[in-house]
Amino acid sequence: MKLRMVLAALLALGAVACGDDDGMMMADAGPSGPVLQTGDGPDPTDATGIAIDPATAAPADYACLGMGMRPTGGEDVTFDLEIKEFRTDDTLGDLCVRFYADNMPMPGDTCDPESDLVTDGDGVVEVTAPANGWYAYRVFPKEGPSPSLQIAGSVQINEPAPEADGGSAEGNSVSQATLDLIPTVLGFSQVPGTAVVAGTVFDCAGDPVYGAEVRLYREDGSPILEGTANADPHYRYFDGDDFPSADQPYTHVDGLFATANIPVASDGEFVFMELWGRLGESDTEAQLISCERLPVFGDTISIVNLEPLRADAPACPGAS
């Protein structure tokens, strides 16, 4: 799911909070957690909304677990990357953009309008990357006369390039007004200088997955745990209908998740994002089903879609 769709879901409730300062501690998808499934919606007979609809539930497809590889890409292709503000679809000129054909934004990177990419009046930059390979991009903050015209940071990894020259793709900028709203929707206040990470969980068939737990780790392997204070990190899942929920303890059938107030170094850093879940009824414990290493930056939204664990996955803390 693109950043636009994830963040649209985050803001679908406007400015109505979905939780309180108590927060929800990182869920335990161990022996009592559900088996990973796919389906069409919540169980209509379940008042909590947490359970999956048994009429549409099916086992999630993890037959490819540990077998896939990062796409290598083909010959270089040149295409237009159109940067839009996700909520308004506005395109802005003079946004400074770093494009990473190797899919690797780096902490400490800066953007110089004199030498780096800058959007034209239609919000477009021309970029080059290996065909069908993964690329990443980062949009840097830009001052504006109001929060709606002040651009905050955004970064997205694992985006597939077009197959041929002359294609186009969409990227996303995020206004400060939007960034300010996201934690409010999720039930707490944004701490300046912290990161937001969001995405969707998919199985081998490309379907969103019910029952997965998200875990974040520093590069040294230390976990980033959810706290009870308003300013602490917070993990949130959605309710199966693309709305954030303070009560959902793991991903619902929409596969959506978001974390916020993630403390980061002043110039950014890498973190590991892992997914855990039970593949079958006979499994008494959750296992690692996905992992990606991604960059996070203060006052910036990082997006990554989590597919089944690859054979060439990063050396994740949970795998040791």
C-alpha atoms as a PDB file:
ATOM      1  CA  MET A   1       0.000   0.000   0.000  1.00  0.00           C
ATOM      2  CA  LYS A   2       1.369   3.409  -0.947  1.00  0.00           C
ATOM      3  CA  LEU A   3       2.136   6.077   1.628  1.00  0.00           C
ATOM      4  CA  ARG A   4      -0.871   8.010   0.374  1.00  0.00           C
ATOM      5  CA  MET A   5      -3.258   5.171   1.250  1.00  0.00           C
ATOM      6  CA  VAL A   6      -1.698   4.464   4.637  1.00  0.00           C
ATOM      7  CA  LEU A   7      -1.798   8.075   5.726  1.00  0.00           C
ATOM      8  CA  ALA A   8      -5.287   8.552   4.336  1.00  0.00           C
ATOM      9  CA  ALA A   9      -6.371   5.763   6.651  1.00  0.00           C
ATOM     10  CA  LEU A  10      -4.591   7.456   9.549  1.00  0.00           C
ATOM     11  CA  LEU A  11      -6.503  10.677   8.977  1.00  0.00           C
ATOM     12  CA  ALA A  12      -9.839   9.144   8.042  1.00  0.00           C
ATOM     13  CA  LEU A  13     -11.269  10.026  11.435  1.00  0.00           C
ATOM     14  CA  GLY A  14     -10.297  13.685  11.131  1.00  0.00           C
ATOM     15  CA  ALA A  15      -9.006  14.989  14.451  1.00  0.00           C
ATOM     16  CA  VAL A  16     -10.918  12.524  16.624  1.00  0.00           C
ATOM     17  CA  ALA A  17      -8.593  10.695  19.006  1.00  0.00           C
ATOM     18  CA  CYS A  18      -8.810   6.926  19.119  1.00  0.00           C
ATOM     19  CA  GLY A  19      -7.085   6.296  22.407  1.00  0.00           C
ATOM     20  CA  ASP A  20      -5.668   7.882  25.521  1.00  0.00           C
ATOM     21  CA  ASP A  21      -2.335   8.503  27.190  1.00  0.00           C
ATOM     22  CA  ASP A  22      -2.288   5.036  28.701  1.00  0.00           C
ATOM     23  CA  GLY A  23      -1.413   3.555  25.319  1.00  0.00           C
ATOM     24  CA  MET A  24      -1.271  -0.101  24.412  1.00  0.00           C
ATOM     25  CA  MET A  25       1.846  -2.077  25.254  1.00  0.00           C
ATOM     26  CA  MET A  26       3.456  -4.088  22.477  1.00  0.00           C
ATOM     27  CA  ALA A  27       1.102  -6.983  21.775  1.00  0.00           C
ATOM     28  CA  ASP A  28       2.022 -10.584  22.525  1.00  0.00           C
ATOM     29  CA  ALA A  29       1.162 -12.723  19.488  1.00  0.00           C
ATOM     30  CA  GLY A  30       2.475 -15.824  21.218  1.00  0.00           C
ATOM     31  CA  PRO A  31       0.525 -18.966  22.185  1.00  0.00           C
ATOM     32  CA  SER A  32      -2.716 -17.045  22.759  1.00  0.00           C
ATOM     33  CA  GLY A  33      -2.392 -14.959  19.583  1.00  0.00           C
ATOM     34  CA  PRO A  34      -4.311 -15.752  16.407  1.00  0.00           C
ATOM     35  CA  VAL A  35      -3.095 -17.750  13.457  1.00  0.00           C
ATOM     36  CA  LEU A  36      -2.166 -15.492  10.539  1.00  0.00           C
ATOM     37  CA  GLN A  37      -5.165 -15.166   8.235  1.00  0.00           C
ATOM     38  CA  THR A  38      -6.719 -13.103   5.483  1.00  0.00           C
ATOM     39  CA  GLY A  39     -10.349 -12.062   5.248  1.00  0.00           C
ATOM     40  CA  ASP A  40     -12.881  -9.440   4.293  1.00  0.00           C
ATOM     41  CA  GLY A  41     -13.655  -7.816   7.622  1.00  0.00           C
ATOM     42  CA  PRO A  42     -14.232  -7.999  11.356  1.00  0.00           C
ATOM     43  CA  ASP A  43     -16.510 -10.626  12.900  1.00  0.00           C
ATOM     44  CA  PRO A  44     -19.970  -8.972  12.964  1.00  0.00           C
ATOM     45  CA  THR A  45     -20.842 -10.893  16.143  1.00  0.00           C
ATOM     46  CA  ASP A  46     -17.764  -9.691  18.047  1.00  0.00           C
ATOM     47  CA  ALA A  47     -18.545  -6.539  20.014  1.00  0.00           C
ATOM     48  CA  THR A  48     -14.849  -5.685  20.404  1.00  0.00           C
ATOM     49  CA  GLY A  49     -14.239  -5.684  16.661  1.00  0.00           C
ATOM     50  CA  ILE A  50     -10.946  -7.511  17.171  1.00  0.00           C
ATOM     51  CA  ALA A  51     -11.897 -10.904  15.722  1.00  0.00           C
ATOM     52  CA  ILE A  52     -11.858 -11.737  12.019  1.00  0.00           C
ATOM     53  CA  ASP A  53     -15.078 -12.634  10.203  1.00  0.00           C
ATOM     54  CA  PRO A  54     -15.069 -16.468  10.267  1.00  0.00           C
ATOM     55  CA  ALA A  55     -17.165 -16.591   7.100  1.00  0.00           C
ATOM     56  CA  THR A  56     -14.353 -15.079   5.029  1.00  0.00           C
ATOM     57  CA  ALA A  57     -11.270 -16.078   7.044  1.00  0.00           C
ATOM     58  CA  ALA A  58      -8.623 -18.164   5.295  1.00  0.00           C
ATOM     59  CA  PRO A  59      -5.051 -19.093   6.232  1.00  0.00           C
ATOM     60  CA  ALA A  60      -2.538 -16.470   5.139  1.00  0.00           C
ATOM     61  CA  ASP A  61      -0.265 -17.689   2.355  1.00  0.00           C
ATOM     62  CA  TYR A  62       3.293 -17.990   3.666  1.00  0.00           C
ATOM     63  CA  ALA A  63       4.459 -20.725   1.291  1.00  0.00           C
ATOM     64  CA  CYS A  64       7.190 -18.387   0.032  1.00  0.00           C
ATOM     65  CA  LEU A  65       8.565 -17.646   3.523  1.00  0.00           C
ATOM     66  CA  GLY A  66      12.348 -17.421   3.415  1.00  0.00           C
ATOM     67  CA  MET A  67      12.494 -18.012  -0.347  1.00  0.00           C
ATOM     68  CA  GLY A  68      12.056 -14.617  -2.022  1.00  0.00           C
ATOM     69  CA  MET A  69      14.844 -12.237  -2.994  1.00  0.00           C
ATOM     70  CA  ARG A  70      15.123  -8.491  -3.387  1.00  0.00           C
ATOM     71  CA  PRO A  71      14.508  -7.653  -7.078  1.00  0.00           C
ATOM     72  CA  THR A  72      17.771  -7.080  -8.914  1.00  0.00           C
ATOM     73  CA  GLY A  73      16.360  -4.801 -11.597  1.00  0.00           C
ATOM     74  CA  GLY A  74      17.239  -4.599 -15.269  1.00  0.00           C
ATOM     75  CA  GLU A  75      18.638  -1.899 -17.505  1.00  0.00           C
ATOM     76  CA  ASP A  76      18.304   1.673 -16.321  1.00  0.00           C
ATOM     77  CA  VAL A  77      15.038   3.423 -17.162  1.00  0.00           C
ATOM     78  CA  THR A  78      14.263   7.120 -16.878  1.00  0.00           C
ATOM     79  CA  PHE A  79      10.868   8.185 -15.604  1.00  0.00           C
ATOM     80  CA  ASP A  80       8.980  11.050 -13.971  1.00  0.00           C
ATOM     81  CA  LEU A  81       8.472  10.987 -10.213  1.00  0.00           C
ATOM     82  CA  GLU A  82       5.539  13.252  -9.354  1.00  0.00           C
ATOM     83  CA  ILE A  83       5.532  14.467  -5.755  1.00  0.00           C
ATOM     84  CA  LYS A  84       2.071  15.203  -4.341  1.00  0.00           C
ATOM     85  CA  GLU A  85       0.913  16.257  -0.906  1.00  0.00           C
ATOM     86  CA  PHE A  86      -0.937  13.072  -0.032  1.00  0.00           C
ATOM     87  CA  ARG A  87      -3.996  14.608   1.588  1.00  0.00           C
ATOM     88  CA  THR A  88      -4.676  17.433  -0.856  1.00  0.00           C
ATOM     89  CA  ASP A  89      -2.972  16.081  -4.010  1.00  0.00           C
ATOM     90  CA  ASP A  90      -1.340  19.493  -4.375  1.00  0.00           C
ATOM     91  CA  THR A  91       1.920  19.586  -6.279  1.00  0.00           C
ATOM     92  CA  LEU A  92       4.551  22.068  -5.197  1.00  0.00           C
ATOM     93  CA  GLY A  93       7.589  23.345  -6.982  1.00  0.00           C
ATOM     94  CA  ASP A  94      11.009  23.878  -5.430  1.00  0.00           C
ATOM     95  CA  LEU A  95      10.864  20.811  -3.177  1.00  0.00           C
ATOM     96  CA  CYS A  96      14.315  19.337  -2.693  1.00  0.00           C
ATOM     97  CA  VAL A  97      14.333  15.574  -3.342  1.00  0.00           C
ATOM     98  CA  ARG A  98      17.035  12.942  -2.949  1.00  0.00           C
ATOM     99  CA  PHE A  99      16.508   9.906  -5.158  1.00  0.00           C
ATOM    100  CA  TYR A 100      18.167   6.594  -4.350  1.00  0.00           C
ATOM    101  CA  ALA A 101      18.360   4.182  -7.266  1.00  0.00           C
ATOM    102  CA  ASP A 102      20.031   1.739  -4.849  1.00  0.00           C
ATOM    103  CA  ASN A 103      17.052   1.955  -2.425  1.00  0.00           C
ATOM    104  CA  MET A 104      19.290   3.181   0.392  1.00  0.00           C
ATOM    105  CA  PRO A 105      18.606   6.593   1.978  1.00  0.00           C
ATOM    106  CA  MET A 106      21.384   7.352   4.433  1.00  0.00           C
ATOM    107  CA  PRO A 107      21.342   9.104   7.823  1.00  0.00           C
ATOM    108  CA  GLY A 108      23.109  12.433   7.647  1.00  0.00           C
ATOM    109  CA  ASP A 109      22.024  13.090   4.055  1.00  0.00           C
ATOM    110  CA  THR A 110      21.170  16.656   3.183  1.00  0.00           C
ATOM    111  CA  CYS A 111      19.591  18.163   0.098  1.00  0.00           C
ATOM    112  CA  ASP A 112      21.036  21.106  -1.823  1.00  0.00           C
ATOM    113  CA  PRO A 113      18.688  22.737  -4.359  1.00  0.00           C
ATOM    114  CA  GLU A 114      21.756  23.832  -6.316  1.00  0.00           C
ATOM    115  CA  SER A 115      22.952  20.288  -6.970  1.00  0.00           C
ATOM    116  CA  ASP A 116      20.133  17.864  -6.047  1.00  0.00           C
ATOM    117  CA  LEU A 117      16.727  17.282  -7.600  1.00  0.00           C
ATOM    118  CA  VAL A 118      14.123  20.035  -7.282  1.00  0.00           C
ATOM    119  CA  THR A 119      10.494  19.640  -8.318  1.00  0.00           C
ATOM    120  CA  ASP A 120       9.257  21.762 -11.188  1.00  0.00           C
ATOM    121  CA  GLY A 121       5.977  23.656 -11.121  1.00  0.00           C
ATOM    122  CA  ASP A 122       4.067  20.399 -11.615  1.00  0.00           C
ATOM    123  CA  GLY A 123       5.848  18.691  -8.699  1.00  0.00           C
ATOM    124  CA  VAL A 124       7.897  16.470 -11.034  1.00  0.00           C
ATOM    125  CA  VAL A 125      11.511  15.359 -10.981  1.00  0.00           C
ATOM    126  CA  GLU A 126      13.081  13.143 -13.625  1.00  0.00           C
ATOM    127  CA  VAL A 127      14.872  10.114 -12.189  1.00  0.00           C
ATOM    128  CA  THR A 128      16.703   7.002 -13.362  1.00  0.00           C
ATOM    129  CA  ALA A 129      16.760   3.543 -11.776  1.00  0.00           C
ATOM    130  CA  PRO A 130      17.049  -0.125 -12.824  1.00  0.00           C
ATOM    131  CA  ALA A 131      13.810  -1.357 -14.440  1.00  0.00           C
ATOM    132  CA  ASN A 132      11.569  -3.201 -11.958  1.00  0.00           C
ATOM    133  CA  GLY A 133      14.172  -2.758  -9.223  1.00  0.00           C
ATOM    134  CA  TRP A 134      13.521  -1.132  -5.877  1.00  0.00           C
ATOM    135  CA  TYR A 135      14.265   2.540  -5.403  1.00  0.00           C
ATOM    136  CA  ALA A 136      13.777   4.986  -2.550  1.00  0.00           C
ATOM    137  CA  TYR A 137      13.309   8.720  -2.308  1.00  0.00           C
ATOM    138  CA  ARG A 138      13.307  11.346   0.389  1.00  0.00           C
ATOM    139  CA  VAL A 139      11.488  14.689   0.361  1.00  0.00           C
ATOM    140  CA  PHE A 140      13.129  17.305   2.557  1.00  0.00           C
ATOM    141  CA  PRO A 141      11.309  19.923   4.647  1.00  0.00           C
ATOM    142  CA  LYS A 142      10.461  23.276   3.134  1.00  0.00           C
ATOM    143  CA  GLU A 143       9.313  26.378   4.965  1.00  0.00           C
ATOM    144  CA  GLY A 144       5.965  27.860   4.000  1.00  0.00           C
ATOM    145  CA  PRO A 145       3.634  30.671   5.008  1.00  0.00           C
ATOM    146  CA  SER A 146       1.243  28.266   6.776  1.00  0.00           C
ATOM    147  CA  PRO A 147       1.287  24.672   8.122  1.00  0.00           C
ATOM    148  CA  SER A 148      -0.603  23.471   5.060  1.00  0.00           C
ATOM    149  CA  LEU A 149       2.114  24.865   2.777  1.00  0.00           C
ATOM    150  CA  GLN A 150       5.020  23.957   5.036  1.00  0.00           C
ATOM    151  CA  ILE A 151       6.407  20.601   3.937  1.00  0.00           C
ATOM    152  CA  ALA A 152       7.661  18.134   6.517  1.00  0.00           C
ATOM    153  CA  GLY A 153       9.899  15.206   5.707  1.00  0.00           C
ATOM    154  CA  SER A 154       8.894  11.905   4.112  1.00  0.00           C
ATOM    155  CA  VAL A 155      10.895   8.889   3.005  1.00  0.00           C
ATOM    156  CA  GLN A 156       9.807   5.710   1.258  1.00  0.00           C
ATOM    157  CA  ILE A 157      11.787   2.571   0.420  1.00  0.00           C
ATOM    158  CA  ASN A 158      11.213  -0.582  -1.645  1.00  0.00           C
ATOM    159  CA  GLU A 159       9.333   1.173  -4.454  1.00  0.00           C
ATOM    160  CA  PRO A 160       9.370  -0.673  -7.820  1.00  0.00           C
ATOM    161  CA  ALA A 161      10.633   1.243 -10.842  1.00  0.00           C
ATOM    162  CA  PRO A 162       8.682   1.126 -14.144  1.00  0.00           C
ATOM    163  CA  GLU A 163       9.493  -1.483 -16.775  1.00  0.00           C
ATOM    164  CA  ALA A 164      10.500   0.955 -19.515  1.00  0.00           C
ATOM    165  CA  ASP A 165      11.684   4.486 -20.237  1.00  0.00           C
ATOM    166  CA  GLY A 166       9.116   7.245 -20.256  1.00  0.00           C
ATOM    167  CA  GLY A 167       6.951   5.910 -17.446  1.00  0.00           C
ATOM    168  CA  SER A 168       5.855   7.721 -14.335  1.00  0.00           C
ATOM    169  CA  ALA A 169       5.416   7.063 -10.632  1.00  0.00           C
ATOM    170  CA  GLU A 170       3.962   8.940  -7.710  1.00  0.00           C
ATOM    171  CA  GLY A 171       5.828  10.081  -4.640  1.00  0.00           C
ATOM    172  CA  ASN A 172       4.544  11.817  -1.566  1.00  0.00           C
ATOM    173  CA  SER A 173       5.215  14.985   0.330  1.00  0.00           C
ATOM    174  CA  VAL A 174       3.639  15.565   3.733  1.00  0.00           C
ATOM    175  CA  SER A 175       2.641  18.998   4.990  1.00  0.00           C
ATOM    176  CA  GLN A 176       3.317  19.966   8.583  1.00  0.00           C
ATOM    177  CA  ALA A 177      -0.420  20.263   9.092  1.00  0.00           C
ATOM    178  CA  THR A 178      -0.782  16.606   8.126  1.00  0.00           C
ATOM    179  CA  LEU A 179       2.136  15.502  10.288  1.00  0.00           C
ATOM    180  CA  ASP A 180       0.641  17.304  13.279  1.00  0.00           C
ATOM    181  CA  LEU A 181      -2.674  15.507  12.812  1.00  0.00           C
ATOM    182  CA  ILE A 182      -1.431  11.928  12.682  1.00  0.00           C
ATOM    183  CA  PRO A 183      -0.550  11.363  16.369  1.00  0.00           C
ATOM    184  CA  THR A 184      -3.714  13.243  17.367  1.00  0.00           C
ATOM    185  CA  VAL A 185      -5.802  10.789  15.366  1.00  0.00           C
ATOM    186  CA  LEU A 186      -3.985   7.937  17.058  1.00  0.00           C
ATOM    187  CA  GLY A 187      -4.627   9.275  20.552  1.00  0.00           C
ATOM    188  CA  PHE A 188      -1.468  11.108  21.694  1.00  0.00           C
ATOM    189  CA  SER A 189       0.606  14.183  20.905  1.00  0.00           C
ATOM    190  CA  GLN A 190       3.512  14.291  18.509  1.00  0.00           C
ATOM    191  CA  VAL A 191       6.890  14.893  20.118  1.00  0.00           C
ATOM    192  CA  PRO A 192       9.001  17.226  17.948  1.00  0.00           C
ATOM    193  CA  GLY A 193      12.042  15.549  16.485  1.00  0.00           C
ATOM    194  CA  THR A 194      10.587  12.016  16.636  1.00  0.00           C
ATOM    195  CA  ALA A 195       9.724   9.724  13.734  1.00  0.00           C
ATOM    196  CA  VAL A 196       6.533   8.126  12.418  1.00  0.00           C
ATOM    197  CA  VAL A 197       6.718   4.716  10.712  1.00  0.00           C
ATOM    198  CA  ALA A 198       3.733   3.187   8.914  1.00  0.00           C
ATOM    199  CA  GLY A 199       2.953   0.452   6.440  1.00  0.00           C
ATOM    200  CA  THR A 200       0.962  -2.632   5.499  1.00  0.00           C
ATOM    201  CA  VAL A 201       1.567  -6.354   6.054  1.00  0.00           C
ATOM    202  CA  PHE A 202       1.193  -8.640   3.012  1.00  0.00           C
ATOM    203  CA  ASP A 203       1.415 -12.413   2.513  1.00  0.00           C
ATOM    204  CA  CYS A 204       2.868 -14.282  -0.492  1.00  0.00           C
ATOM    205  CA  ALA A 205      -0.342 -13.734  -2.472  1.00  0.00           C
ATOM    206  CA  GLY A 206      -0.207  -9.987  -1.893  1.00  0.00           C
ATOM    207  CA  ASP A 207      -3.150 -10.001   0.538  1.00  0.00           C
ATOM    208  CA  PRO A 208      -3.193  -7.961   3.764  1.00  0.00           C
ATOM    209  CA  VAL A 209      -2.595 -10.119   6.826  1.00  0.00           C
ATOM    210  CA  TYR A 210      -4.570 -10.463  10.062  1.00  0.00           C
ATOM    211  CA  GLY A 211      -2.816 -11.372  13.331  1.00  0.00           C
ATOM    212  CA  ALA A 212       0.732 -10.019  12.880  1.00  0.00           C
ATOM    213  CA  GLU A 213       2.642  -8.089  15.531  1.00  0.00           C
ATOM    214  CA  VAL A 214       5.085  -5.304  14.698  1.00  0.00           C
ATOM    215  CA  ARG A 215       8.339  -4.873  16.617  1.00  0.00           C
ATOM    216  CA  LEU A 216      10.971  -2.168  16.203  1.00  0.00           C
ATOM    217  CA  TYR A 217      14.635  -2.484  17.195  1.00  0.00           C
ATOM    218  CA  ARG A 218      17.673  -0.249  17.171  1.00  0.00           C
ATOM    219  CA  GLU A 219      20.629  -1.394  15.111  1.00  0.00           C
ATOM    220  CA  ASP A 220      22.295  -2.599  18.311  1.00  0.00           C
ATOM    221  CA  GLY A 221      19.381  -5.008  18.811  1.00  0.00           C
ATOM    222  CA  SER A 222      17.698  -3.159  21.665  1.00  0.00           C
ATOM    223  CA  PRO A 223      13.885  -3.089  21.358  1.00  0.00           C
ATOM    224  CA  ILE A 224      11.903   0.134  21.010  1.00  0.00           C
ATOM    225  CA  LEU A 225       9.094  -0.576  23.453  1.00  0.00           C
ATOM    226  CA  GLU A 226       5.814   1.221  23.768  1.00  0.00           C
ATOM    227  CA  GLY A 227       5.405   3.305  26.902  1.00  0.00           C
ATOM    228  CA  THR A 228       2.482   4.533  28.934  1.00  0.00           C
ATOM    229  CA  ALA A 229       3.273   8.262  28.857  1.00  0.00           C
ATOM    230  CA  ASN A 230       1.947  10.514  26.141  1.00  0.00           C
ATOM    231  CA  ALA A 231       5.447  11.277  24.827  1.00  0.00           C
ATOM    232  CA  ASP A 232       6.575   7.625  24.713  1.00  0.00           C
ATOM    233  CA  PRO A 233       6.679   5.524  21.532  1.00  0.00           C
ATOM    234  CA  HIS A 234       3.269   4.173  20.548  1.00  0.00           C
ATOM    235  CA  TYR A 235       2.262   1.240  18.354  1.00  0.00           C
ATOM    236  CA  ARG A 236      -1.152   1.215  16.715  1.00  0.00           C
ATOM    237  CA  TYR A 237      -3.008  -1.221  14.494  1.00  0.00           C
ATOM    238  CA  PHE A 238      -6.186  -0.650  12.514  1.00  0.00           C
ATOM    239  CA  ASP A 239      -9.672  -2.080  12.876  1.00  0.00           C
ATOM    240  CA  GLY A 240     -10.082  -3.983   9.604  1.00  0.00           C
ATOM    241  CA  ASP A 241     -11.869  -1.064   7.959  1.00  0.00           C
ATOM    242  CA  ASP A 242      -8.804   1.175   7.530  1.00  0.00           C
ATOM    243  CA  PHE A 243      -9.368   3.090  10.779  1.00  0.00           C
ATOM    244  CA  PRO A 244      -6.799   3.301  13.606  1.00  0.00           C
ATOM    245  CA  SER A 245      -7.787   1.580  16.837  1.00  0.00           C
ATOM    246  CA  ALA A 246      -6.486   1.900  20.388  1.00  0.00           C
ATOM    247  CA  ASP A 247      -7.778  -1.593  21.211  1.00  0.00           C
ATOM    248  CA  GLN A 248      -6.571  -3.737  18.309  1.00  0.00           C
ATOM    249  CA  PRO A 249      -3.617  -5.834  19.622  1.00  0.00           C
ATOM    250  CA  TYR A 250      -2.302  -6.967  16.194  1.00  0.00           C
ATOM    251  CA  THR A 251      -2.979  -6.309  12.528  1.00  0.00           C
ATOM    252  CA  HIS A 252      -6.540  -6.710  11.337  1.00  0.00           C
ATOM    253  CA  VAL A 253      -7.652  -7.733   7.842  1.00  0.00           C
ATOM    254  CA  ASP A 254      -6.501  -4.397   6.372  1.00  0.00           C
ATOM    255  CA  GLY A 255      -2.935  -5.220   7.459  1.00  0.00           C
ATOM    256  CA  LEU A 256      -2.305  -1.612   8.498  1.00  0.00           C
ATOM    257  CA  PHE A 257      -0.048  -0.433  11.303  1.00  0.00           C
ATOM    258  CA  ALA A 258       1.580   2.801  12.468  1.00  0.00           C
ATOM    259  CA  THR A 259       4.142   3.709  15.105  1.00  0.00           C
ATOM    260  CA  ALA A 260       4.855   7.217  16.326  1.00  0.00           C
ATOM    261  CA  ASN A 261       7.033   9.176  18.732  1.00  0.00           C
ATOM    262  CA  ILE A 262      10.006   7.005  17.812  1.00  0.00           C
ATOM    263  CA  PRO A 263      13.118   8.790  19.187  1.00  0.00           C
ATOM    264  CA  VAL A 264      15.894   9.127  16.618  1.00  0.00           C
ATOM    265  CA  ALA A 265      19.343  10.658  16.376  1.00  0.00           C
ATOM    266  CA  SER A 266      19.402  14.249  15.214  1.00  0.00           C
ATOM    267  CA  ASP A 267      20.598  13.302  11.712  1.00  0.00           C
ATOM    268  CA  GLY A 268      18.619  10.038  11.465  1.00  0.00           C
ATOM    269  CA  GLU A 269      19.450   6.380  11.942  1.00  0.00           C
ATOM    270  CA  PHE A 270      18.487   2.892  10.803  1.00  0.00           C
ATOM    271  CA  VAL A 271      16.084   0.622  12.652  1.00  0.00           C
ATOM    272  CA  PHE A 272      14.873  -2.926  12.110  1.00  0.00           C
ATOM    273  CA  MET A 273      11.151  -3.503  11.720  1.00  0.00           C
ATOM    274  CA  GLU A 274      10.053  -7.080  12.334  1.00  0.00           C
ATOM    275  CA  LEU A 275       6.754  -8.939  12.017  1.00  0.00           C
ATOM    276  CA  TRP A 276       5.849 -11.891  14.188  1.00  0.00           C
ATOM    277  CA  GLY A 277       2.947 -14.320  14.021  1.00  0.00           C
ATOM    278  CA  ARG A 278       1.704 -17.906  14.176  1.00  0.00           C
ATOM    279  CA  LEU A 279       1.547 -19.757  10.860  1.00  0.00           C
ATOM    280  CA  GLY A 280      -0.696 -22.597  12.022  1.00  0.00           C
ATOM    281  CA  GLU A 281      -2.765 -23.950  14.882  1.00  0.00           C
ATOM    282  CA  SER A 282       0.012 -26.348  15.852  1.00  0.00           C
ATOM    283  CA  ASP A 283       2.443 -23.475  16.392  1.00  0.00           C
ATOM    284  CA  THR A 284       2.640 -22.695  20.096  1.00  0.00           C
ATOM    285  CA  GLU A 285       4.808 -19.617  19.617  1.00  0.00           C
ATOM    286  CA  ALA A 286       4.988 -16.750  17.158  1.00  0.00           C
ATOM    287  CA  GLN A 287       7.844 -16.728  14.684  1.00  0.00           C
ATOM    288  CA  LEU A 288       9.590 -14.093  12.594  1.00  0.00           C
ATOM    289  CA  ILE A 289       7.687 -13.675   9.335  1.00  0.00           C
ATOM    290  CA  SER A 290       9.165 -10.443   7.947  1.00  0.00           C
ATOM    291  CA  CYS A 291      11.978  -8.003   8.530  1.00  0.00           C
ATOM    292  CA  GLU A 292      13.275  -4.861   6.870  1.00  0.00           C
ATOM    293  CA  ARG A 293      15.996  -2.376   7.757  1.00  0.00           C
ATOM    294  CA  LEU A 294      14.840   1.169   7.143  1.00  0.00           C
ATOM    295  CA  PRO A 295      15.941   4.726   7.829  1.00  0.00           C
ATOM    296  CA  VAL A 296      14.066   6.964  10.259  1.00  0.00           C
ATOM    297  CA  PHE A 297      14.440  10.712  10.655  1.00  0.00           C
ATOM    298  CA  GLY A 298      12.988  13.268  13.030  1.00  0.00           C
ATOM    299  CA  ASP A 299       9.737  14.972  12.007  1.00  0.00           C
ATOM    300  CA  THR A 300       9.571  12.588   9.066  1.00  0.00           C
ATOM    301  CA  ILE A 301       7.226   9.776   8.053  1.00  0.00           C
ATOM    302  CA  SER A 302       8.952   6.564   6.938  1.00  0.00           C
ATOM    303  CA  ILE A 303       6.933   4.028   4.982  1.00  0.00           C
ATOM    304  CA  VAL A 304       7.669   0.370   4.310  1.00  0.00           C
ATOM    305  CA  ASN A 305       5.384  -2.440   3.206  1.00  0.00           C
ATOM    306  CA  LEU A 306       6.258  -5.728   4.867  1.00  0.00           C
ATOM    307  CA  GLU A 307       6.212  -8.828   2.690  1.00  0.00           C
ATOM    308  CA  PRO A 308       7.172 -12.370   3.773  1.00  0.00           C
ATOM    309  CA  LEU A 309      10.716 -12.844   5.021  1.00  0.00           C
ATOM    310  CA  ARG A 310      13.190 -12.970   2.137  1.00  0.00           C
ATOM    311  CA  ALA A 311      16.118 -15.338   1.790  1.00  0.00           C
ATOM    312  CA  ASP A 312      18.328 -12.248   1.630  1.00  0.00           C
ATOM    313  CA  ALA A 313      16.609 -10.421   4.491  1.00  0.00           C
ATOM    314  CA  PRO A 314      18.674  -8.187   6.786  1.00  0.00           C
ATOM    315  CA  ALA A 315      20.298  -9.715   9.875  1.00  0.00           C
ATOM    316  CA  CYS A 316      17.377  -8.956  12.150  1.00  0.00           C
ATOM    317  CA  PRO A 317      17.647  -9.139  15.953  1.00  0.00           C
ATOM    318  CA  GLY A 318      14.742 -11.590  16.114  1.00  0.00           C
ATOM    319  CA  ALA A 319      16.474 -14.035  13.787  1.00  0.00           C
ATOM    320  CA  SER A 320      19.333 -14.645  16.224  1.00  0.00           C
END
